[in-house]
């Protein structure tokens, strides 16, 4: 009987210690979770940036009031345009570049931009390994939308995994905010923006 009572006490102590440890760990996780997240770093706009599968270098940003790089705007629209040099760092042709750039602090009717080669206005082309191409990211906006004179563009990168946990295949996963590039935004009011096509 004494042995049984001692066994029960040991069980209660062990369970109690486990509960206290679990509460302690949960408290620590909650405390760390409440800490403010670090803002992504400000990246230099005049250097090439390795962003996972892409090497990117922003070139210029502007607002266009007319057709730009083959992208036709609806009446009453204007467009925020970011031109950037992109290099495919992988071994195969790819067009998974839609989410690389995103302007911060501005309301976008559609967060997914139209993207074109600046040299010939080809829309959403595949970029080949090792070849650098200048691309235009075009976000249509309402004609009366306010665009600040300088704008921060977030850059999203991905991590290469030789073996994915779910499928066991190699690929680019876990997109994350690598940093932010701030550029001046010009206002282009010509009837045809250079590179707009005819």
C-alpha atoms as a PDB file:
ATOM      1  CA  UNK A   1       0.000   0.000   0.000  1.00  0.00           C
ATOM      2  CA  UNK A   2       2.859   2.350   0.895  1.00  0.00           C
ATOM      3  CA  UNK A   3       4.528   1.444  -2.398  1.00  0.00           C
ATOM      4  CA  UNK A   4       1.341   2.318  -4.323  1.00  0.00           C
ATOM      5  CA  UNK A   5       1.005   5.677  -2.545  1.00  0.00           C
ATOM      6  CA  UNK A   6       4.657   6.511  -3.244  1.00  0.00           C
ATOM      7  CA  UNK A   7       4.147   5.557  -6.913  1.00  0.00           C
ATOM      8  CA  UNK A   8       1.125   7.854  -7.177  1.00  0.00           C
ATOM      9  CA  UNK A   9       3.026  10.761  -5.604  1.00  0.00           C
ATOM     10  CA  UNK A  10       5.899  10.272  -8.055  1.00  0.00           C
ATOM     11  CA  UNK A  11       3.418  10.216 -10.939  1.00  0.00           C
ATOM     12  CA  UNK A  12       1.796  13.471  -9.741  1.00  0.00           C
ATOM     13  CA  UNK A  13       5.180  15.151  -9.298  1.00  0.00           C
ATOM     14  CA  UNK A  14       6.308  14.053 -12.758  1.00  0.00           C
ATOM     15  CA  UNK A  15       3.041  15.189 -14.359  1.00  0.00           C
ATOM     16  CA  UNK A  16       3.174  18.469 -12.435  1.00  0.00           C
ATOM     17  CA  UNK A  17       6.780  19.115 -13.509  1.00  0.00           C
ATOM     18  CA  UNK A  18       5.859  18.362 -17.119  1.00  0.00           C
ATOM     19  CA  UNK A  19       2.914  20.746 -16.961  1.00  0.00           C
ATOM     20  CA  UNK A  20       5.043  23.509 -15.440  1.00  0.00           C
ATOM     21  CA  UNK A  21       7.730  22.986 -18.108  1.00  0.00           C
ATOM     22  CA  UNK A  22       5.103  23.112 -20.865  1.00  0.00           C
ATOM     23  CA  UNK A  23       3.606  26.318 -19.445  1.00  0.00           C
ATOM     24  CA  UNK A  24       7.084  27.850 -19.144  1.00  0.00           C
ATOM     25  CA  UNK A  25       7.964  27.044 -22.770  1.00  0.00           C
ATOM     26  CA  UNK A  26       4.576  28.311 -23.977  1.00  0.00           C
ATOM     27  CA  UNK A  27       5.114  31.530 -22.026  1.00  0.00           C
ATOM     28  CA  UNK A  28       8.539  32.030 -23.555  1.00  0.00           C
ATOM     29  CA  UNK A  29       7.202  31.394 -27.067  1.00  0.00           C
ATOM     30  CA  UNK A  30       4.394  33.856 -26.460  1.00  0.00           C
ATOM     31  CA  UNK A  31       6.821  36.457 -25.187  1.00  0.00           C
ATOM     32  CA  UNK A  32       9.108  36.053 -28.191  1.00  0.00           C
ATOM     33  CA  UNK A  33       6.128  36.019 -30.535  1.00  0.00           C
ATOM     34  CA  UNK A  34       5.022  39.366 -29.105  1.00  0.00           C
ATOM     35  CA  UNK A  35       8.358  40.998 -29.923  1.00  0.00           C
ATOM     36  CA  UNK A  36       8.189  43.312 -32.932  1.00  0.00           C
ATOM     37  CA  UNK A  37       9.478  41.694 -36.112  1.00  0.00           C
ATOM     38  CA  UNK A  38      12.600  43.179 -37.624  1.00  0.00           C
ATOM     39  CA  UNK A  39      11.881  45.269 -40.697  1.00  0.00           C
ATOM     40  CA  UNK A  40      13.486  43.909 -43.872  1.00  0.00           C
ATOM     41  CA  UNK A  41      16.748  45.704 -44.656  1.00  0.00           C
ATOM     42  CA  UNK A  42      16.990  48.643 -47.022  1.00  0.00           C
ATOM     43  CA  UNK A  43      18.925  47.421 -50.079  1.00  0.00           C
ATOM     44  CA  UNK A  44      21.046  49.651 -52.347  1.00  0.00           C
ATOM     45  CA  UNK A  45      19.216  50.472 -55.594  1.00  0.00           C
ATOM     46  CA  UNK A  46      22.385  50.697 -57.697  1.00  0.00           C
ATOM     47  CA  UNK A  47      23.721  47.161 -57.254  1.00  0.00           C
ATOM     48  CA  UNK A  48      22.639  43.705 -58.383  1.00  0.00           C
ATOM     49  CA  UNK A  49      20.830  41.740 -55.648  1.00  0.00           C
ATOM     50  CA  UNK A  50      20.729  37.937 -55.404  1.00  0.00           C
ATOM     51  CA  UNK A  51      17.084  37.042 -54.713  1.00  0.00           C
ATOM     52  CA  UNK A  52      17.037  33.270 -54.852  1.00  0.00           C
ATOM     53  CA  UNK A  53      16.388  32.098 -58.382  1.00  0.00           C
ATOM     54  CA  UNK A  54      16.780  35.675 -59.728  1.00  0.00           C
ATOM     55  CA  UNK A  55      19.507  38.296 -59.678  1.00  0.00           C
ATOM     56  CA  UNK A  56      17.740  41.656 -59.811  1.00  0.00           C
ATOM     57  CA  UNK A  57      18.784  45.251 -60.239  1.00  0.00           C
ATOM     58  CA  UNK A  58      16.080  47.930 -60.183  1.00  0.00           C
ATOM     59  CA  UNK A  59      16.741  50.617 -62.810  1.00  0.00           C
ATOM     60  CA  UNK A  60      13.992  53.230 -62.586  1.00  0.00           C
ATOM     61  CA  UNK A  61      10.388  53.801 -61.552  1.00  0.00           C
ATOM     62  CA  UNK A  62       7.847  56.132 -63.141  1.00  0.00           C
ATOM     63  CA  UNK A  63       4.170  56.789 -63.700  1.00  0.00           C
ATOM     64  CA  UNK A  64       2.997  56.483 -67.307  1.00  0.00           C
ATOM     65  CA  UNK A  65      -0.210  58.043 -68.599  1.00  0.00           C
ATOM     66  CA  UNK A  66      -0.145  56.195 -71.928  1.00  0.00           C
ATOM     67  CA  UNK A  67       0.547  52.769 -73.406  1.00  0.00           C
ATOM     68  CA  UNK A  68       3.877  51.508 -72.077  1.00  0.00           C
ATOM     69  CA  UNK A  69       5.983  48.572 -73.319  1.00  0.00           C
ATOM     70  CA  UNK A  70       2.975  47.146 -75.123  1.00  0.00           C
ATOM     71  CA  UNK A  71       0.659  47.321 -72.094  1.00  0.00           C
ATOM     72  CA  UNK A  72      -2.487  49.199 -73.068  1.00  0.00           C
ATOM     73  CA  UNK A  73      -4.196  51.229 -70.356  1.00  0.00           C
ATOM     74  CA  UNK A  74      -7.949  51.697 -70.119  1.00  0.00           C
ATOM     75  CA  UNK A  75      -9.404  55.205 -70.396  1.00  0.00           C
ATOM     76  CA  UNK A  76      -8.906  57.043 -67.126  1.00  0.00           C
ATOM     77  CA  UNK A  77      -6.010  54.817 -66.037  1.00  0.00           C
ATOM     78  CA  UNK A  78      -2.342  55.451 -65.486  1.00  0.00           C
ATOM     79  CA  UNK A  79       0.361  52.920 -64.606  1.00  0.00           C
ATOM     80  CA  UNK A  80       3.123  52.569 -62.084  1.00  0.00           C
ATOM     81  CA  UNK A  81       6.133  51.127 -63.912  1.00  0.00           C
ATOM     82  CA  UNK A  82       9.276  49.584 -62.470  1.00  0.00           C
ATOM     83  CA  UNK A  83      12.061  48.697 -64.887  1.00  0.00           C
ATOM     84  CA  UNK A  84      14.576  46.189 -63.575  1.00  0.00           C
ATOM     85  CA  UNK A  85      17.297  43.943 -64.934  1.00  0.00           C
ATOM     86  CA  UNK A  86      16.573  40.276 -64.158  1.00  0.00           C
ATOM     87  CA  UNK A  87      18.992  37.385 -64.558  1.00  0.00           C
ATOM     88  CA  UNK A  88      17.824  33.783 -64.300  1.00  0.00           C
ATOM     89  CA  UNK A  89      20.262  32.083 -61.877  1.00  0.00           C
ATOM     90  CA  UNK A  90      18.868  28.589 -62.479  1.00  0.00           C
ATOM     91  CA  UNK A  91      19.630  25.934 -65.091  1.00  0.00           C
ATOM     92  CA  UNK A  92      16.284  26.123 -66.904  1.00  0.00           C
ATOM     93  CA  UNK A  93      14.104  28.754 -68.546  1.00  0.00           C
ATOM     94  CA  UNK A  94      11.567  30.238 -66.172  1.00  0.00           C
ATOM     95  CA  UNK A  95       8.921  32.921 -65.764  1.00  0.00           C
ATOM     96  CA  UNK A  96       8.248  32.694 -62.016  1.00  0.00           C
ATOM     97  CA  UNK A  97       9.131  36.362 -61.520  1.00  0.00           C
ATOM     98  CA  UNK A  98       5.676  37.869 -60.874  1.00  0.00           C
ATOM     99  CA  UNK A  99       6.101  38.161 -57.111  1.00  0.00           C
ATOM    100  CA  UNK A 100       9.715  39.383 -57.055  1.00  0.00           C
ATOM    101  CA  UNK A 101       8.738  43.067 -56.735  1.00  0.00           C
ATOM    102  CA  UNK A 102       5.839  44.659 -54.893  1.00  0.00           C
ATOM    103  CA  UNK A 103       5.394  48.387 -54.269  1.00  0.00           C
ATOM    104  CA  UNK A 104       4.787  49.284 -50.631  1.00  0.00           C
ATOM    105  CA  UNK A 105       2.456  51.967 -49.330  1.00  0.00           C
ATOM    106  CA  UNK A 106       0.222  52.230 -52.373  1.00  0.00           C
ATOM    107  CA  UNK A 107      -3.216  50.738 -53.066  1.00  0.00           C
ATOM    108  CA  UNK A 108      -3.124  48.475 -56.109  1.00  0.00           C
ATOM    109  CA  UNK A 109      -6.350  47.409 -57.850  1.00  0.00           C
ATOM    110  CA  UNK A 110      -4.481  44.215 -58.776  1.00  0.00           C
ATOM    111  CA  UNK A 111      -1.288  43.216 -56.966  1.00  0.00           C
ATOM    112  CA  UNK A 112      -0.211  41.048 -59.939  1.00  0.00           C
ATOM    113  CA  UNK A 113       1.543  43.226 -62.516  1.00  0.00           C
ATOM    114  CA  UNK A 114       1.729  42.964 -66.264  1.00  0.00           C
ATOM    115  CA  UNK A 115       5.372  42.233 -67.159  1.00  0.00           C
ATOM    116  CA  UNK A 116       7.074  42.857 -70.486  1.00  0.00           C
ATOM    117  CA  UNK A 117      10.525  42.839 -72.036  1.00  0.00           C
ATOM    118  CA  UNK A 118      11.517  46.452 -72.599  1.00  0.00           C
ATOM    119  CA  UNK A 119      13.416  45.633 -75.815  1.00  0.00           C
ATOM    120  CA  UNK A 120      10.457  44.262 -77.779  1.00  0.00           C
ATOM    121  CA  UNK A 121       7.358  44.467 -75.524  1.00  0.00           C
ATOM    122  CA  UNK A 122       6.963  40.657 -75.305  1.00  0.00           C
ATOM    123  CA  UNK A 123       4.598  39.925 -72.423  1.00  0.00           C
ATOM    124  CA  UNK A 124       5.613  37.418 -69.715  1.00  0.00           C
ATOM    125  CA  UNK A 125       8.462  35.745 -71.597  1.00  0.00           C
ATOM    126  CA  UNK A 126      10.486  32.863 -70.242  1.00  0.00           C
ATOM    127  CA  UNK A 127      13.928  34.078 -69.183  1.00  0.00           C
ATOM    128  CA  UNK A 128      16.785  31.787 -70.105  1.00  0.00           C
ATOM    129  CA  UNK A 129      19.591  30.722 -67.756  1.00  0.00           C
ATOM    130  CA  UNK A 130      22.346  33.287 -67.276  1.00  0.00           C
ATOM    131  CA  UNK A 131      20.783  35.867 -69.619  1.00  0.00           C
ATOM    132  CA  UNK A 132      20.039  39.321 -68.241  1.00  0.00           C
ATOM    133  CA  UNK A 133      16.912  41.010 -69.571  1.00  0.00           C
ATOM    134  CA  UNK A 134      15.410  44.380 -68.741  1.00  0.00           C
ATOM    135  CA  UNK A 135      11.825  43.852 -67.669  1.00  0.00           C
ATOM    136  CA  UNK A 136       9.023  46.342 -67.062  1.00  0.00           C
ATOM    137  CA  UNK A 137       6.638  45.622 -64.181  1.00  0.00           C
ATOM    138  CA  UNK A 138       3.428  47.536 -64.945  1.00  0.00           C
ATOM    139  CA  UNK A 139       0.684  48.038 -62.336  1.00  0.00           C
ATOM    140  CA  UNK A 140      -2.404  49.834 -63.734  1.00  0.00           C
ATOM    141  CA  UNK A 141      -3.835  52.457 -61.374  1.00  0.00           C
ATOM    142  CA  UNK A 142      -6.857  54.704 -61.316  1.00  0.00           C
ATOM    143  CA  UNK A 143      -6.111  58.028 -62.996  1.00  0.00           C
ATOM    144  CA  UNK A 144      -6.560  59.940 -59.732  1.00  0.00           C
ATOM    145  CA  UNK A 145      -4.521  57.520 -57.568  1.00  0.00           C
ATOM    146  CA  UNK A 146      -1.889  59.282 -55.481  1.00  0.00           C
ATOM    147  CA  UNK A 147       1.669  58.125 -56.141  1.00  0.00           C
ATOM    148  CA  UNK A 148       4.403  59.496 -53.850  1.00  0.00           C
ATOM    149  CA  UNK A 149       7.588  61.029 -55.309  1.00  0.00           C
ATOM    150  CA  UNK A 150       9.631  58.156 -53.854  1.00  0.00           C
ATOM    151  CA  UNK A 151       8.408  54.603 -53.427  1.00  0.00           C
ATOM    152  CA  UNK A 152       9.721  51.502 -51.672  1.00  0.00           C
ATOM    153  CA  UNK A 153       9.604  48.231 -53.592  1.00  0.00           C
ATOM    154  CA  UNK A 154       9.758  45.022 -51.561  1.00  0.00           C
ATOM    155  CA  UNK A 155      11.883  42.227 -53.021  1.00  0.00           C
ATOM    156  CA  UNK A 156      10.792  38.635 -52.444  1.00  0.00           C
ATOM    157  CA  UNK A 157      13.327  35.806 -52.589  1.00  0.00           C
ATOM    158  CA  UNK A 158      13.016  32.026 -52.336  1.00  0.00           C
ATOM    159  CA  UNK A 159      15.179  29.253 -50.900  1.00  0.00           C
ATOM    160  CA  UNK A 160      16.439  26.353 -53.006  1.00  0.00           C
ATOM    161  CA  UNK A 161      15.905  22.904 -51.522  1.00  0.00           C
ATOM    162  CA  UNK A 162      17.580  19.921 -53.191  1.00  0.00           C
ATOM    163  CA  UNK A 163      14.859  17.738 -51.686  1.00  0.00           C
ATOM    164  CA  UNK A 164      11.437  19.067 -50.701  1.00  0.00           C
ATOM    165  CA  UNK A 165       9.912  17.590 -47.523  1.00  0.00           C
ATOM    166  CA  UNK A 166       6.549  16.946 -49.175  1.00  0.00           C
ATOM    167  CA  UNK A 167       7.413  15.673 -52.651  1.00  0.00           C
ATOM    168  CA  UNK A 168      11.109  14.832 -52.338  1.00  0.00           C
ATOM    169  CA  UNK A 169      11.942  16.909 -55.415  1.00  0.00           C
ATOM    170  CA  UNK A 170      14.301  19.870 -55.841  1.00  0.00           C
ATOM    171  CA  UNK A 171      12.896  23.364 -56.251  1.00  0.00           C
ATOM    172  CA  UNK A 172      12.532  26.913 -54.974  1.00  0.00           C
ATOM    173  CA  UNK A 173      10.395  27.239 -51.852  1.00  0.00           C
ATOM    174  CA  UNK A 174       9.662  29.390 -48.800  1.00  0.00           C
ATOM    175  CA  UNK A 175       9.294  32.882 -50.295  1.00  0.00           C
ATOM    176  CA  UNK A 176      10.355  35.627 -47.888  1.00  0.00           C
ATOM    177  CA  UNK A 177      10.889  39.394 -47.921  1.00  0.00           C
ATOM    178  CA  UNK A 178      14.577  39.841 -48.674  1.00  0.00           C
ATOM    179  CA  UNK A 179      14.575  43.614 -48.346  1.00  0.00           C
ATOM    180  CA  UNK A 180      13.325  46.880 -49.780  1.00  0.00           C
ATOM    181  CA  UNK A 181      14.637  49.211 -52.478  1.00  0.00           C
ATOM    182  CA  UNK A 182      13.514  52.845 -52.530  1.00  0.00           C
ATOM    183  CA  UNK A 183      13.435  54.691 -55.855  1.00  0.00           C
ATOM    184  CA  UNK A 184      12.351  58.128 -57.017  1.00  0.00           C
ATOM    185  CA  UNK A 185       9.181  57.978 -59.128  1.00  0.00           C
ATOM    186  CA  UNK A 186       9.138  60.199 -62.212  1.00  0.00           C
ATOM    187  CA  UNK A 187       5.916  61.325 -63.900  1.00  0.00           C
ATOM    188  CA  UNK A 188       5.961  60.661 -67.666  1.00  0.00           C
ATOM    189  CA  UNK A 189       3.265  62.598 -69.482  1.00  0.00           C
ATOM    190  CA  UNK A 190       4.336  62.038 -73.104  1.00  0.00           C
ATOM    191  CA  UNK A 191       1.677  60.639 -75.444  1.00  0.00           C
ATOM    192  CA  UNK A 192       3.822  57.517 -75.904  1.00  0.00           C
ATOM    193  CA  UNK A 193       6.311  56.341 -73.306  1.00  0.00           C
ATOM    194  CA  UNK A 194       9.651  55.268 -74.864  1.00  0.00           C
ATOM    195  CA  UNK A 195       9.502  51.560 -75.528  1.00  0.00           C
ATOM    196  CA  UNK A 196       5.698  51.598 -75.698  1.00  0.00           C
ATOM    197  CA  UNK A 197       5.492  50.122 -79.156  1.00  0.00           C
ATOM    198  CA  UNK A 198       3.484  51.483 -82.059  1.00  0.00           C
END
